[in-house]
Protein backbone atom coordinates (compact mmCIF):
# COMPACT_ATOMS: atom_id res chain seq x y z
CA MET A 1 -38.14 11.11 1.34
CA ALA A 2 -38.47 11.59 4.79
CA ARG A 3 -38.50 7.71 5.53
CA LEU A 4 -35.29 7.50 3.49
CA SER A 5 -33.93 10.62 5.36
CA LEU A 6 -34.64 8.53 8.61
CA GLY A 7 -33.28 5.44 7.42
CA ARG A 8 -30.03 7.04 6.47
CA ALA A 9 -29.54 8.69 9.48
CA ALA A 10 -30.07 5.67 11.49
CA ALA A 11 -27.67 3.78 9.38
CA VAL A 12 -25.14 6.67 9.67
CA LEU A 13 -25.47 6.50 13.54
CA ALA A 14 -25.04 3.07 13.95
CA LEU A 15 -21.80 3.10 11.48
CA ALA A 16 -20.67 6.05 13.82
CA GLY A 17 -21.19 3.78 16.87
CA VAL A 18 -19.16 0.94 15.31
CA SER A 19 -16.40 2.96 14.30
CA LEU A 20 -16.21 4.75 18.04
CA THR A 21 -15.77 1.10 19.49
CA THR A 22 -12.70 0.88 17.01
CA ILE A 23 -11.38 4.14 17.33
CA TYR A 24 -11.50 4.60 21.11
CA PRO A 25 -9.19 1.74 21.88
CA MET A 26 -6.63 3.57 19.85
CA VAL A 27 -7.04 6.77 21.37
CA PHE A 28 -7.21 5.28 24.80
CA MET A 29 -3.71 3.54 24.07
CA LEU A 30 -2.16 6.66 22.69
CA PHE A 31 -3.20 8.59 25.91
CA THR A 32 -1.85 5.84 28.01
CA ALA A 33 1.38 5.68 26.25
CA LEU A 34 1.76 9.29 26.84
CA LYS A 35 1.74 8.98 30.68
CA SER A 36 4.41 8.40 33.20
CA ARG A 37 4.00 5.14 35.01
CA GLN A 38 3.41 7.31 37.90
CA GLU A 39 0.64 9.54 36.64
CA TYR A 40 -1.16 6.26 35.20
CA VAL A 41 -1.00 4.23 38.87
CA LEU A 42 -1.38 7.13 41.01
CA HIS A 43 -3.55 10.07 39.59
CA ASN A 44 -4.94 9.00 35.72
CA GLN A 45 -5.77 5.98 34.21
CA TYR A 46 -8.72 6.75 31.74
CA GLY A 47 -8.48 10.47 31.11
CA PRO A 48 -6.14 12.21 28.67
CA PRO A 49 -2.42 12.65 29.79
CA ALA A 50 -1.94 15.87 31.99
CA HIS A 51 1.91 15.96 31.50
CA PRO A 52 2.21 14.25 28.03
CA THR A 53 5.54 12.50 27.78
CA LEU A 54 7.51 10.48 24.71
CA GLU A 55 9.78 8.86 27.51
CA ASN A 56 7.54 5.31 27.05
CA PHE A 57 8.03 5.44 23.25
CA VAL A 58 11.69 6.20 23.55
CA ASN A 59 12.05 3.07 26.04
CA ALA A 60 10.05 0.80 24.13
CA TRP A 61 12.23 1.48 20.78
CA VAL A 62 15.55 1.73 22.31
CA TYR A 63 15.63 -0.43 25.59
CA SER A 64 12.79 -3.08 25.01
CA LYS A 65 13.95 -3.54 21.46
CA VAL A 66 10.97 -2.63 19.70
CA GLY A 67 12.53 -1.32 16.78
CA HIS A 68 14.92 -4.37 16.50
CA TYR A 69 11.57 -6.53 16.65
CA ILE A 70 9.96 -4.25 13.77
CA ALA A 71 12.93 -5.00 11.28
CA ASN A 72 12.77 -8.69 12.03
CA SER A 73 8.93 -8.39 11.16
CA ALA A 74 9.62 -6.16 8.20
CA LEU A 75 12.15 -8.80 6.55
CA VAL A 76 9.56 -11.89 7.51
CA VAL A 77 6.43 -10.03 6.07
CA THR A 78 8.29 -8.72 3.00
CA ALA A 79 9.52 -12.04 2.21
CA GLY A 80 6.22 -13.78 2.72
CA VAL A 81 4.25 -11.44 0.57
CA LEU A 82 6.94 -11.66 -2.02
CA VAL A 83 7.22 -15.56 -2.49
CA SER A 84 3.26 -15.86 -1.81
CA TRP A 85 3.16 -13.68 -5.12
CA ILE A 86 5.35 -16.00 -6.93
CA VAL A 87 3.51 -19.06 -5.77
CA CYS A 88 -0.10 -18.06 -6.00
CA SER A 89 0.76 -16.77 -9.65
CA LEU A 90 2.24 -19.40 -10.71
CA ALA A 91 -0.45 -21.74 -9.43
CA GLY A 92 -3.41 -19.45 -10.40
CA TYR A 93 -2.10 -19.29 -13.92
CA ALA A 94 -1.81 -22.94 -14.49
CA LEU A 95 -5.40 -23.77 -12.78
CA SER A 96 -6.77 -21.10 -15.14
CA HIS A 97 -5.55 -21.65 -18.70
CA LEU A 98 -3.50 -24.84 -18.57
CA SER A 99 -5.21 -28.04 -19.29
CA PHE A 100 -3.59 -30.91 -17.56
CA PRO A 101 -5.22 -34.07 -15.54
CA GLY A 102 -6.46 -33.63 -12.36
CA ARG A 103 -6.82 -29.79 -12.56
CA ARG A 104 -10.29 -29.65 -11.50
CA VAL A 105 -9.28 -31.77 -8.46
CA MET A 106 -6.41 -29.76 -7.42
CA PHE A 107 -8.14 -26.69 -7.45
CA PHE A 108 -10.95 -28.23 -5.26
CA ALA A 109 -8.11 -29.38 -3.15
CA ILE A 110 -6.80 -26.25 -2.70
CA LEU A 111 -10.20 -24.78 -1.52
CA GLY A 112 -10.71 -27.49 0.75
CA SER A 113 -7.33 -26.91 2.39
CA MET A 114 -8.45 -23.43 3.37
CA MET A 115 -11.04 -25.07 5.90
CA ILE A 116 -8.03 -26.66 7.90
CA ALA A 117 -7.36 -24.64 10.91
CA PRO A 118 -3.85 -23.93 11.55
CA GLN A 119 -3.88 -25.12 15.32
CA VAL A 120 -5.05 -28.40 13.93
CA ILE A 121 -1.60 -29.13 12.06
CA ILE A 122 0.63 -27.12 14.66
CA ILE A 123 2.41 -30.25 16.01
CA PRO A 124 3.13 -31.67 12.76
CA VAL A 125 4.66 -28.13 11.42
CA TYR A 126 6.62 -27.98 14.36
CA THR A 127 8.02 -31.22 14.19
CA MET A 128 9.03 -30.65 10.32
CA LEU A 129 10.75 -27.46 11.06
CA ILE A 130 12.78 -29.17 13.62
CA ARG A 131 13.87 -31.90 11.01
CA LEU A 132 14.61 -29.34 8.50
CA ASP A 133 16.66 -27.28 11.03
CA LEU A 134 14.43 -24.25 10.27
CA LEU A 135 13.51 -23.72 13.95
CA ASN A 136 14.67 -20.16 15.21
CA GLN A 137 15.16 -18.84 11.92
CA HIS A 138 13.19 -16.33 9.79
CA ALA A 139 13.21 -18.78 6.65
CA GLY A 140 11.25 -21.38 8.55
CA LEU A 141 8.57 -18.87 9.74
CA ILE A 142 8.29 -17.27 6.02
CA LEU A 143 8.01 -20.79 4.43
CA VAL A 144 5.06 -21.45 7.22
CA TYR A 145 3.31 -18.14 6.37
CA VAL A 146 3.78 -19.05 2.68
CA THR A 147 1.67 -22.29 3.16
CA PHE A 148 -1.04 -20.85 4.68
CA ALA A 149 -1.36 -17.80 2.67
CA THR A 150 -1.08 -19.87 -0.58
CA PRO A 151 -4.75 -21.57 -0.75
CA PHE A 152 -6.42 -18.29 -0.61
CA GLY A 153 -4.11 -16.38 -2.95
CA THR A 154 -4.23 -19.19 -5.41
CA TYR A 155 -8.12 -18.90 -5.05
CA LEU A 156 -7.92 -15.13 -5.54
CA LEU A 157 -5.73 -15.16 -8.65
CA THR A 158 -7.31 -18.07 -10.49
CA SER A 159 -10.64 -16.32 -10.12
CA TYR A 160 -9.06 -13.22 -11.46
CA PHE A 161 -7.07 -14.86 -14.41
CA ARG A 162 -10.27 -16.97 -15.67
CA SER A 163 -11.56 -13.38 -16.39
CA VAL A 164 -8.68 -12.70 -18.82
CA PRO A 165 -9.64 -13.53 -22.33
CA ALA A 166 -8.24 -16.65 -23.49
CA GLU A 167 -7.64 -15.03 -26.72
CA LEU A 168 -4.88 -12.95 -25.16
CA VAL A 169 -2.94 -16.07 -24.35
CA GLU A 170 -3.58 -17.69 -28.07
CA ALA A 171 -2.55 -14.58 -29.31
CA ALA A 172 0.96 -14.52 -27.16
CA GLN A 173 1.34 -18.08 -28.18
CA VAL A 174 1.48 -17.31 -31.64
CA ASP A 175 3.98 -14.67 -30.97
CA GLY A 176 5.91 -17.41 -29.74
CA ALA A 177 5.78 -16.58 -26.09
CA ASN A 178 6.10 -19.58 -23.50
CA HIS A 179 4.17 -19.77 -20.55
CA LEU A 180 6.30 -17.91 -18.12
CA GLN A 181 6.56 -14.94 -20.83
CA ILE A 182 2.76 -14.82 -20.94
CA LEU A 183 2.72 -14.93 -17.03
CA TRP A 184 4.92 -12.08 -16.85
CA ARG A 185 4.32 -9.79 -19.76
CA VAL A 186 0.50 -10.29 -20.08
CA MET A 187 -1.32 -11.89 -17.05
CA LEU A 188 0.64 -9.98 -14.23
CA PRO A 189 0.21 -6.62 -15.83
CA ILE A 190 -3.42 -7.21 -15.88
CA ALA A 191 -3.47 -8.50 -12.68
CA LYS A 192 -2.21 -5.84 -10.65
CA PRO A 193 -5.33 -4.92 -8.95
CA ALA A 194 -5.57 -8.80 -7.58
CA LEU A 195 -2.23 -8.46 -6.63
CA LEU A 196 -2.12 -5.58 -4.80
CA THR A 197 -5.44 -6.80 -2.67
CA LEU A 198 -3.44 -10.17 -1.94
CA GLY A 199 -0.59 -8.48 -0.65
CA ILE A 200 -2.56 -6.09 1.24
CA PHE A 201 -4.30 -9.03 3.05
CA ASN A 202 -1.46 -10.82 3.31
CA PHE A 203 0.85 -8.14 5.10
CA LEU A 204 -2.15 -7.73 7.47
CA TRP A 205 -2.44 -11.36 8.45
CA MET A 206 1.68 -11.85 8.64
CA TRP A 207 2.46 -8.71 10.47
CA ASN A 208 -0.29 -9.51 13.15
CA GLU A 209 0.50 -13.18 13.34
CA LEU A 210 1.38 -14.43 16.93
CA LEU A 211 0.83 -18.01 17.36
CA PHE A 212 3.53 -19.32 14.75
CA SER A 213 5.88 -16.64 15.13
CA LEU A 214 5.75 -17.42 19.02
CA LEU A 215 6.43 -20.80 18.44
CA ILE A 216 9.06 -20.88 15.91
CA LEU A 217 11.16 -18.02 16.69
CA GLN A 218 12.06 -18.75 20.42
CA ASP A 219 15.26 -16.87 20.48
CA ASP A 220 15.07 -13.09 21.38
CA SER A 221 17.27 -12.14 18.60
CA VAL A 222 15.12 -13.23 15.60
CA ARG A 223 11.68 -12.65 17.36
CA THR A 224 9.26 -10.48 15.63
CA LEU A 225 7.42 -7.73 16.39
CA MET A 226 4.15 -9.07 18.02
CA VAL A 227 6.09 -11.37 20.31
CA GLY A 228 8.56 -8.77 21.40
CA VAL A 229 5.63 -6.69 22.51
CA ALA A 230 3.82 -9.30 24.15
CA ASN A 231 7.09 -10.07 26.14
CA LEU A 232 6.69 -6.41 27.49
CA ARG A 233 4.05 -7.84 29.67
CA GLY A 234 5.55 -8.56 33.02
CA GLN A 235 5.19 -12.15 34.99
CA TYR A 236 3.94 -10.19 37.97
CA THR A 237 3.55 -6.84 37.42
CA THR A 238 3.48 -4.73 34.19
CA ASN A 239 4.26 -1.09 32.84
CA ILE A 240 1.12 -0.47 31.20
CA PRO A 241 2.49 2.82 29.72
CA LEU A 242 5.04 1.07 28.16
CA LEU A 243 3.24 -1.76 26.72
CA SER A 244 0.94 0.55 25.25
CA ALA A 245 3.65 2.41 23.68
CA GLY A 246 4.75 -0.89 22.36
CA LEU A 247 1.42 -1.62 21.00
CA PHE A 248 0.84 1.71 19.60
CA LEU A 249 4.27 1.27 17.57
CA ALA A 250 2.99 -2.18 16.11
CA ALA A 251 -0.22 -0.97 15.09
CA THR A 252 1.07 2.01 13.23
CA PRO A 253 2.35 0.37 10.15
CA VAL A 254 -1.22 -1.55 10.13
CA LEU A 255 -3.06 1.73 10.53
CA VAL A 256 -0.99 3.29 7.59
CA VAL A 257 -1.64 0.67 5.07
CA PHE A 258 -5.15 0.54 5.82
CA PHE A 259 -5.49 4.09 5.36
CA VAL A 260 -3.69 4.06 2.42
CA PHE A 261 -5.23 1.11 0.59
CA GLN A 262 -8.55 1.07 2.17
CA ALA A 263 -10.35 1.61 -1.09
CA GLN A 264 -8.24 -1.16 -2.81
CA LEU A 265 -9.46 -3.36 -0.08
CA ALA A 266 -13.03 -2.65 -0.65
CA LYS A 267 -12.66 -3.59 -4.40
CA GLY A 268 -10.60 -6.72 -3.36
CA MET A 269 -13.51 -8.12 -1.85
CA THR A 270 -15.20 -8.72 -5.02
CA VAL A 271 -12.19 -8.77 -7.47
CA GLY A 272 -12.77 -11.52 -10.12
CA ALA A 273 -16.07 -12.05 -9.35
CA VAL A 274 -17.47 -10.36 -12.40
CA LYS A 275 -16.17 -11.32 -15.79
């Protein structure tokens, strides 16, 4: 018992240390955002604010257009998550419950595409968007996000749909349901945990993604939040409290989603693995 208690205490201390390295940057960022620029530069860079102010949050939201960037990100991420649900659900059902030539080859090809780094194909993607006249349009960025989210989402839902007994599909077919009706009325209600997990992962990735949003959305009016916050950094000097306020506003939706759905995220790591 003593050894067990000692080992558990050591594990708790180690996890607490890891948690501290994650929590401290957020606390430091909030403290910095609550300071005036004068206080930060001349008096207090590392401690808590002596005279807290919300001026940086107001300036970031109004004058630096963080609110506008949040609206753009919300539009892109919402559309990206919804379209990826549709595409991955259709692909997952087809690969798990339909028989057609080349099914296994297609499934392994989708798995193989997960090993392709986005940076490798960034030039062809950029060229394609120019030819499709989708540069500086949210639709272009949504298309890219859905494309890169499809391999993992298809793998996740295919694994989950395979755990659904084939007898359910056969019973629905006997009742006269076609494949789309089976997917909508049978599969998707059963697969709600997997869909929620996929939606959370895609939201976290799409919200924080910077490379493609910076490349595709070059006009300030259509930029997403991460690109807008990155532009708060000046070329020669940077208002650190203002930048911290923008970063804290950008991180808040991610923190909310994580705290609300952290249990689902933990379950989602093994979703579809046990039949």
